[in-house]
Amino acid sequence: MNKIINKYLITKFFKIFFITTLVFFSLGIILNLFEEVEFFKNLNLSFALPIVLSLSYVPTLIIELLPFIVFLSSMVYFLQLRSSKDLLSIKVFGYSNIRIILILSFFSFFMGLLFLFTINPITSILVKYYETEKAQYSKDVDHLISVNKNGVWIKEVDTSGYKIITAERLRNEKLEQISVYIFNKNKLIKRIESESGLINNNSWKMKNAIVFNILENKSYFFEEYLFESKNTAEKINSLYKNLNTISFLDLILNYAQLNEKGYSKKLLNEKINKFASLPVFLFLMVILAAIFTIGSLKNKQNFYYIIISILTCVAVYYFKDLSIAIGQTGRISLILSVWMPIIVISLFCSMGVIQINEK
């Protein structure tokens, strides 16, 4: 009998979760489609391309919103369980509130693991395809940045000509072993070689730089040379080191290689901990939803629960962002900043579970 009840609880919960995910996915496609159509409106392209790009991008967004999807699904599930009197019927067979909640919480936990190891590798490939395809039609296509096994490659175009910049690697905010080729139209006019360069702003501070003036056939040595660029370390990291293109498994298995390519340990550790915290986050969101529904004996209107759901999602979302922002400033550990919302929610849930168990 226990297996039948467990199956009933999980099956009904999964159906609601699946429908909620489809709703979010559909809304994401519609909203992103407007953005893609706006992006391609001046290009003579098929409408199929914005649709394909939206289908490639939205699955990654769904994974990021998964805790809130699980929370809303749990709210709907527990409300239906209460209103249909199924909760009372299940308790007749010896199921307490805590047992029901834990069954669904552990199911959500294992569902989070499933997403990390099976769905996430697919979404990382899709978002990589999305970025690659969209970059071909970008208005800034003349300003290219590539980070690969051969190092860092940057191309900058301006009214006087263009620059090609290469470096062995990017570590934190420094490029190492830099070579700069400056062209006036198609003619090389200057070359710069430097041991390293601090690129935290648009005025790069190059160390031990040799500037070769091709037109004058002369070279000059500078212990510190200022080189003006349109790119900074922050821009390179944010635009062309999107860790959503790398799956959780790749982050774990290829950590050292990614760090060698220029991905900072800080960014890698942050992303790994975000992924690792996902199953725990889903586990807690089920308990949180139960506290707001099963935890109250009063029969309230559904409007009340809708307001509670929206406010809770907004509060958790902004608390996550605030915590990570504080971690990025260095005031607290970046890893702690990722887990801080989970710690706070855990403390709240631990108090709420005691209340639920008494009912």
Protein backbone atom coordinates (compact mmCIF):
# COMPACT_ATOMS: atom_id res chain seq x y z
CA MET A 1 0.00 0.00 0.00
CA ASN A 2 2.86 2.36 0.84
CA LYS A 3 4.33 1.97 -2.65
CA ILE A 4 0.97 2.79 -4.22
CA ILE A 5 0.57 5.93 -2.10
CA ASN A 6 4.16 7.01 -2.77
CA LYS A 7 3.62 6.53 -6.49
CA TYR A 8 0.37 8.50 -6.32
CA LEU A 9 2.04 11.41 -4.49
CA ILE A 10 5.04 11.57 -6.83
CA THR A 11 3.06 11.08 -10.06
CA LYS A 12 0.59 13.83 -9.24
CA PHE A 13 3.41 16.18 -8.18
CA PHE A 14 5.38 15.49 -11.36
CA LYS A 15 2.33 16.20 -13.55
CA ILE A 16 1.90 19.61 -11.93
CA PHE A 17 5.65 20.28 -12.19
CA PHE A 18 5.62 19.30 -15.88
CA ILE A 19 2.66 21.59 -16.66
CA THR A 20 4.26 24.49 -14.74
CA THR A 21 7.52 23.98 -16.63
CA LEU A 22 5.65 24.01 -19.95
CA VAL A 23 3.96 27.28 -18.96
CA PHE A 24 7.31 28.88 -18.09
CA PHE A 25 8.89 27.46 -21.25
CA SER A 26 6.08 28.84 -23.44
CA LEU A 27 6.28 32.27 -21.80
CA GLY A 28 10.06 32.23 -22.20
CA ILE A 29 9.77 31.37 -25.91
CA ILE A 30 7.24 34.15 -26.51
CA LEU A 31 9.19 36.82 -24.62
CA ASN A 32 12.54 35.84 -26.11
CA LEU A 33 11.01 35.65 -29.57
CA PHE A 34 10.14 39.34 -29.38
CA GLU A 35 13.76 40.10 -28.55
CA GLU A 36 15.11 37.95 -31.38
CA VAL A 37 12.68 39.45 -33.93
CA GLU A 38 13.76 42.93 -32.83
CA PHE A 39 17.41 41.89 -33.26
CA PHE A 40 16.90 40.52 -36.79
CA LYS A 41 14.25 43.01 -38.00
CA ASN A 42 16.62 44.79 -40.41
CA LEU A 43 18.00 41.56 -41.88
CA ASN A 44 16.36 39.65 -44.69
CA LEU A 45 16.18 36.32 -42.89
CA SER A 46 13.62 33.59 -42.39
CA PHE A 47 11.39 33.78 -39.31
CA ALA A 48 12.55 30.26 -38.51
CA LEU A 49 15.92 31.54 -37.26
CA PRO A 50 14.49 33.57 -34.30
CA ILE A 51 12.34 30.56 -33.38
CA VAL A 52 15.33 28.18 -33.44
CA LEU A 53 17.44 30.61 -31.40
CA SER A 54 14.68 31.00 -28.82
CA LEU A 55 14.34 27.23 -28.55
CA SER A 56 18.11 27.04 -28.00
CA TYR A 57 18.26 29.74 -25.32
CA VAL A 58 15.15 29.20 -23.17
CA PRO A 59 16.09 25.69 -21.79
CA THR A 60 19.07 27.27 -20.00
CA LEU A 61 16.76 29.88 -18.55
CA ILE A 62 14.43 27.13 -17.31
CA ILE A 63 17.28 25.49 -15.35
CA GLU A 64 18.07 28.83 -13.70
CA LEU A 65 14.40 29.25 -12.74
CA LEU A 66 14.00 25.63 -11.63
CA PRO A 67 13.84 26.40 -7.86
CA PHE A 68 10.97 28.82 -8.42
CA ILE A 69 9.18 26.43 -10.76
CA VAL A 70 9.40 23.72 -8.09
CA PHE A 71 8.17 26.16 -5.44
CA LEU A 72 5.12 27.21 -7.48
CA SER A 73 4.41 23.59 -8.43
CA SER A 74 4.56 22.60 -4.77
CA MET A 75 2.20 25.40 -3.77
CA VAL A 76 -0.35 24.26 -6.36
CA TYR A 77 0.11 20.62 -5.39
CA PHE A 78 -0.40 21.12 -1.65
CA LEU A 79 -3.40 23.39 -2.22
CA GLN A 80 -5.03 20.73 -4.40
CA LEU A 81 -4.17 18.08 -1.83
CA ARG A 82 -5.89 20.08 0.91
CA SER A 83 -8.95 21.15 -1.07
CA SER A 84 -9.66 17.63 -2.38
CA LYS A 85 -9.44 16.11 1.13
CA ASP A 86 -6.78 13.69 -0.19
CA LEU A 87 -4.48 14.81 2.60
CA LEU A 88 -6.88 13.51 5.25
CA SER A 89 -7.33 10.23 3.36
CA ILE A 90 -3.59 9.67 3.10
CA LYS A 91 -3.14 10.33 6.81
CA VAL A 92 -5.55 7.46 7.53
CA PHE A 93 -2.86 5.11 6.16
CA GLY A 94 -0.31 6.45 8.65
CA TYR A 95 1.27 9.20 6.57
CA SER A 96 2.20 12.31 8.57
CA ASN A 97 2.66 15.77 7.08
CA ILE A 98 6.43 15.43 7.42
CA ARG A 99 6.49 12.10 5.61
CA ILE A 100 4.52 13.47 2.66
CA ILE A 101 6.76 16.55 2.45
CA LEU A 102 9.98 14.51 2.65
CA ILE A 103 8.83 12.15 -0.11
CA LEU A 104 8.28 15.09 -2.46
CA SER A 105 11.42 16.92 -1.25
CA PHE A 106 13.69 13.96 -1.93
CA PHE A 107 11.99 13.44 -5.27
CA SER A 108 12.81 17.07 -6.14
CA PHE A 109 16.38 16.56 -4.91
CA PHE A 110 16.94 13.59 -7.22
CA MET A 111 15.20 15.47 -10.03
CA GLY A 112 17.79 18.23 -9.53
CA LEU A 113 20.58 15.66 -9.87
CA LEU A 114 18.93 14.34 -13.04
CA PHE A 115 18.87 17.85 -14.51
CA LEU A 116 22.56 18.39 -13.67
CA PHE A 117 23.85 15.17 -15.21
CA THR A 118 21.49 14.66 -18.16
CA ILE A 119 19.68 17.89 -19.11
CA ASN A 120 22.43 20.42 -18.36
CA PRO A 121 24.94 18.97 -20.89
CA ILE A 122 22.27 19.39 -23.57
CA THR A 123 21.37 22.96 -22.57
CA SER A 124 25.06 23.95 -22.54
CA ILE A 125 25.39 22.75 -26.15
CA LEU A 126 22.22 24.63 -27.12
CA VAL A 127 23.33 27.92 -25.56
CA LYS A 128 26.74 27.57 -27.23
CA TYR A 129 24.95 27.14 -30.56
CA TYR A 130 22.80 30.17 -29.71
CA GLU A 131 25.81 32.40 -29.08
CA THR A 132 27.71 31.16 -32.12
CA GLU A 133 24.79 31.69 -34.51
CA LYS A 134 23.82 35.08 -33.13
CA ALA A 135 27.41 36.33 -33.21
CA GLN A 136 27.42 35.90 -37.00
CA TYR A 137 24.75 38.59 -37.31
CA SER A 138 25.93 40.88 -34.53
CA LYS A 139 26.43 44.53 -35.41
CA ASP A 140 29.70 44.37 -33.45
CA VAL A 141 31.05 41.45 -35.50
CA ASP A 142 34.14 43.51 -36.39
CA HIS A 143 35.12 43.49 -32.73
CA LEU A 144 35.88 39.82 -32.08
CA ILE A 145 37.24 38.06 -29.02
CA SER A 146 38.12 34.39 -28.89
CA VAL A 147 39.53 32.35 -26.01
CA ASN A 148 40.73 28.88 -27.01
CA LYS A 149 43.61 26.44 -26.60
CA ASN A 150 45.83 28.76 -28.67
CA GLY A 151 45.32 31.62 -26.23
CA VAL A 152 43.40 34.88 -26.43
CA TRP A 153 42.65 36.53 -29.79
CA ILE A 154 41.12 40.00 -30.07
CA LYS A 155 40.26 42.10 -33.11
CA GLU A 156 39.31 45.77 -32.78
CA VAL A 157 38.20 47.96 -35.68
CA ASP A 158 38.05 51.76 -35.70
CA THR A 159 37.99 54.55 -38.30
CA SER A 160 41.78 54.54 -38.82
CA GLY A 161 42.16 50.77 -39.28
CA TYR A 162 42.19 47.75 -37.01
CA LYS A 163 44.23 46.00 -34.32
CA ILE A 164 44.88 42.30 -33.78
CA ILE A 165 45.87 41.35 -30.24
CA THR A 166 47.09 37.93 -29.16
CA ALA A 167 48.14 36.63 -25.74
CA GLU A 168 49.07 33.26 -24.27
CA ARG A 169 46.46 33.42 -21.53
CA LEU A 170 44.25 35.62 -19.39
CA ARG A 171 44.71 35.29 -15.63
CA ASN A 172 42.35 37.32 -13.49
CA GLU A 173 42.83 40.83 -14.95
CA LYS A 174 46.18 40.23 -16.66
CA LEU A 175 47.10 39.14 -20.17
CA GLU A 176 50.42 37.30 -20.48
CA GLN A 177 52.87 37.39 -23.42
CA ILE A 178 51.00 39.98 -25.46
CA SER A 179 51.50 40.74 -29.14
CA VAL A 180 49.68 43.66 -30.78
CA TYR A 181 49.56 44.29 -34.53
CA ILE A 182 48.22 47.70 -35.61
CA PHE A 183 47.08 48.11 -39.21
CA ASN A 184 46.23 51.23 -41.19
CA LYS A 185 43.68 49.71 -43.55
CA ASN A 186 45.62 46.63 -44.75
CA LYS A 187 49.13 47.91 -43.99
CA LEU A 188 50.99 46.98 -40.79
CA ILE A 189 52.29 50.18 -39.19
CA LYS A 190 53.15 49.14 -35.62
CA ARG A 191 53.82 46.04 -33.52
CA ILE A 192 53.96 45.82 -29.74
CA GLU A 193 55.44 42.97 -27.68
CA SER A 194 54.94 42.86 -23.90
CA GLU A 195 55.49 40.40 -21.05
CA SER A 196 52.11 41.14 -19.49
CA GLY A 197 49.41 43.74 -19.29
CA LEU A 198 46.92 44.79 -16.63
CA ILE A 199 43.60 45.21 -18.47
CA ASN A 200 41.22 46.18 -15.66
CA ASN A 201 40.29 49.34 -17.61
CA ASN A 202 40.53 50.65 -21.19
CA SER A 203 44.08 51.93 -20.63
CA TRP A 204 46.08 48.71 -20.54
CA LYS A 205 49.26 48.90 -18.47
CA MET A 206 51.81 46.84 -20.36
CA LYS A 207 54.98 45.72 -18.59
CA ASN A 208 58.38 45.67 -20.36
CA ALA A 209 56.92 46.57 -23.73
CA ILE A 210 58.82 46.87 -26.99
CA VAL A 211 57.12 49.06 -29.61
CA PHE A 212 58.22 48.49 -33.22
CA ASN A 213 57.42 51.41 -35.52
CA ILE A 214 57.33 49.75 -38.94
CA LEU A 215 57.13 52.98 -40.92
CA GLU A 216 60.21 54.50 -39.23
CA ASN A 217 61.98 51.13 -38.89
CA LYS A 218 62.69 51.87 -35.21
CA SER A 219 61.94 50.20 -31.88
CA TYR A 220 61.40 51.65 -28.41
CA PHE A 221 61.47 50.00 -24.97
CA PHE A 222 59.10 50.96 -22.14
CA GLU A 223 59.05 49.52 -18.63
CA GLU A 224 55.39 50.54 -18.53
CA TYR A 225 53.42 51.33 -21.67
CA LEU A 226 49.81 52.52 -21.83
CA PHE A 227 47.81 50.96 -24.64
CA GLU A 228 44.26 52.15 -25.35
CA SER A 229 41.74 49.39 -26.05
CA LYS A 230 37.97 49.04 -26.28
CA ASN A 231 38.11 45.85 -24.22
CA THR A 232 38.66 45.13 -20.55
CA ALA A 233 38.98 41.93 -18.50
CA GLU A 234 35.40 42.35 -17.30
CA LYS A 235 34.07 42.64 -20.86
CA ILE A 236 36.01 39.58 -22.03
CA ASN A 237 34.78 37.53 -19.07
CA SER A 238 31.16 38.63 -19.35
CA LEU A 239 30.70 38.48 -23.12
CA TYR A 240 32.87 35.64 -24.27
CA LYS A 241 33.30 33.44 -21.21
CA ASN A 242 29.69 32.54 -20.66
CA LEU A 243 29.91 29.54 -18.33
CA ASN A 244 26.41 28.49 -19.37
CA THR A 245 28.11 27.04 -22.44
CA ILE A 246 29.97 24.63 -20.15
CA SER A 247 28.09 21.83 -18.42
CA PHE A 248 28.48 20.85 -14.77
CA LEU A 249 30.33 17.67 -15.75
CA ASP A 250 32.77 19.62 -17.95
CA LEU A 251 33.44 22.08 -15.14
CA ILE A 252 34.35 19.23 -12.81
CA LEU A 253 36.31 17.08 -15.26
CA ASN A 254 38.12 19.88 -17.11
CA TYR A 255 38.64 22.35 -14.26
CA ALA A 256 42.42 22.64 -14.71
CA GLN A 257 42.21 23.00 -18.49
CA LEU A 258 39.55 25.71 -18.22
CA ASN A 259 41.69 27.58 -15.73
CA GLU A 260 44.67 27.34 -18.10
CA LYS A 261 42.55 28.81 -20.91
CA GLY A 262 41.95 31.90 -18.80
CA TYR A 263 38.77 31.16 -16.88
CA SER A 264 39.45 32.43 -13.36
CA LYS A 265 39.17 30.03 -10.43
CA LYS A 266 36.76 32.47 -8.80
CA LEU A 267 34.29 32.23 -11.68
CA LEU A 268 34.70 28.47 -12.00
CA ASN A 269 34.19 27.86 -8.28
CA GLU A 270 31.14 30.12 -8.25
CA LYS A 271 29.52 28.26 -11.13
CA ILE A 272 30.35 24.82 -9.73
CA ASN A 273 28.80 25.71 -6.38
CA LYS A 274 25.72 27.16 -8.09
CA PHE A 275 25.22 23.86 -9.89
CA ALA A 276 25.96 21.79 -6.78
CA SER A 277 23.46 23.78 -4.71
CA LEU A 278 20.60 23.21 -7.19
CA PRO A 279 19.34 19.84 -5.82
CA VAL A 280 19.47 21.19 -2.25
CA PHE A 281 17.62 24.32 -3.37
CA LEU A 282 14.85 22.23 -4.91
CA PHE A 283 14.62 20.14 -1.74
CA LEU A 284 14.12 23.25 0.40
CA MET A 285 11.64 24.94 -1.94
CA VAL A 286 9.21 22.02 -1.51
CA ILE A 287 9.43 22.38 2.27
CA LEU A 288 9.00 26.16 1.99
CA ALA A 289 5.84 25.73 -0.08
CA ALA A 290 4.49 23.22 2.45
CA ILE A 291 5.01 25.68 5.30
CA PHE A 292 2.80 28.25 3.56
CA THR A 293 0.06 25.73 2.75
CA ILE A 294 -0.02 22.64 4.97
CA GLY A 295 1.54 24.65 7.78
CA SER A 296 -1.63 26.72 8.10
CA LEU A 297 -4.87 25.24 9.38
CA LYS A 298 -6.92 28.21 8.21
CA ASN A 299 -8.71 27.99 4.89
CA LYS A 300 -7.61 31.01 2.93
CA GLN A 301 -8.57 32.14 -0.54
CA ASN A 302 -6.33 31.09 -3.41
CA PHE A 303 -5.58 34.79 -4.02
CA TYR A 304 -3.75 34.85 -0.69
CA TYR A 305 -1.49 31.97 -1.74
CA ILE A 306 -0.82 33.56 -5.13
CA ILE A 307 0.40 36.73 -3.42
CA ILE A 308 2.54 34.69 -1.01
CA SER A 309 4.06 32.73 -3.90
CA ILE A 310 4.95 35.83 -5.91
CA LEU A 311 6.43 37.68 -2.91
CA THR A 312 8.44 34.64 -1.85
CA CYS A 313 9.87 34.09 -5.34
CA VAL A 314 10.83 37.76 -5.65
CA ALA A 315 12.41 37.82 -2.17
CA VAL A 316 14.45 34.65 -2.74
CA TYR A 317 15.52 35.77 -6.23
CA TYR A 318 16.81 39.16 -5.08
CA PHE A 319 18.38 37.70 -1.95
CA LYS A 320 20.35 35.29 -4.16
CA ASP A 321 21.57 38.14 -6.36
CA LEU A 322 22.41 40.33 -3.36
CA SER A 323 24.35 37.54 -1.67
CA ILE A 324 26.42 36.81 -4.79
CA ALA A 325 27.02 40.55 -5.35
CA ILE A 326 28.41 40.82 -1.81
CA GLY A 327 30.61 37.78 -2.48
CA GLN A 328 31.95 39.33 -5.68
CA THR A 329 33.01 42.44 -3.77
CA GLY A 330 35.13 40.25 -1.50
CA ARG A 331 33.29 41.08 1.73
CA ILE A 332 32.43 37.43 2.21
CA SER A 333 33.66 34.24 0.55
CA LEU A 334 32.21 33.81 -2.94
CA ILE A 335 31.37 30.18 -2.16
CA LEU A 336 29.62 31.25 1.04
CA SER A 337 27.65 33.86 -0.92
CA VAL A 338 26.29 31.11 -3.20
CA TRP A 339 25.21 28.97 -0.24
CA MET A 340 24.02 31.83 1.99
CA PRO A 341 20.40 31.88 0.66
CA ILE A 342 20.21 28.11 1.13
CA ILE A 343 21.48 28.40 4.71
CA VAL A 344 18.90 31.09 5.52
CA ILE A 345 16.05 29.14 3.89
CA SER A 346 17.19 25.99 5.75
CA LEU A 347 16.95 27.78 9.09
CA PHE A 348 13.48 29.08 8.25
CA CYS A 349 12.34 25.66 7.05
CA SER A 350 13.67 23.89 10.14
CA MET A 351 11.44 26.08 12.31
CA GLY A 352 8.46 25.65 9.96
CA VAL A 353 8.78 21.86 9.86
CA ILE A 354 8.36 21.70 13.64
CA GLN A 355 5.10 23.63 13.28
CA ILE A 356 3.89 21.35 10.47
CA ASN A 357 4.68 18.20 12.43
CA GLU A 358 2.45 19.35 15.26
CA LYS A 359 -0.60 19.57 12.96
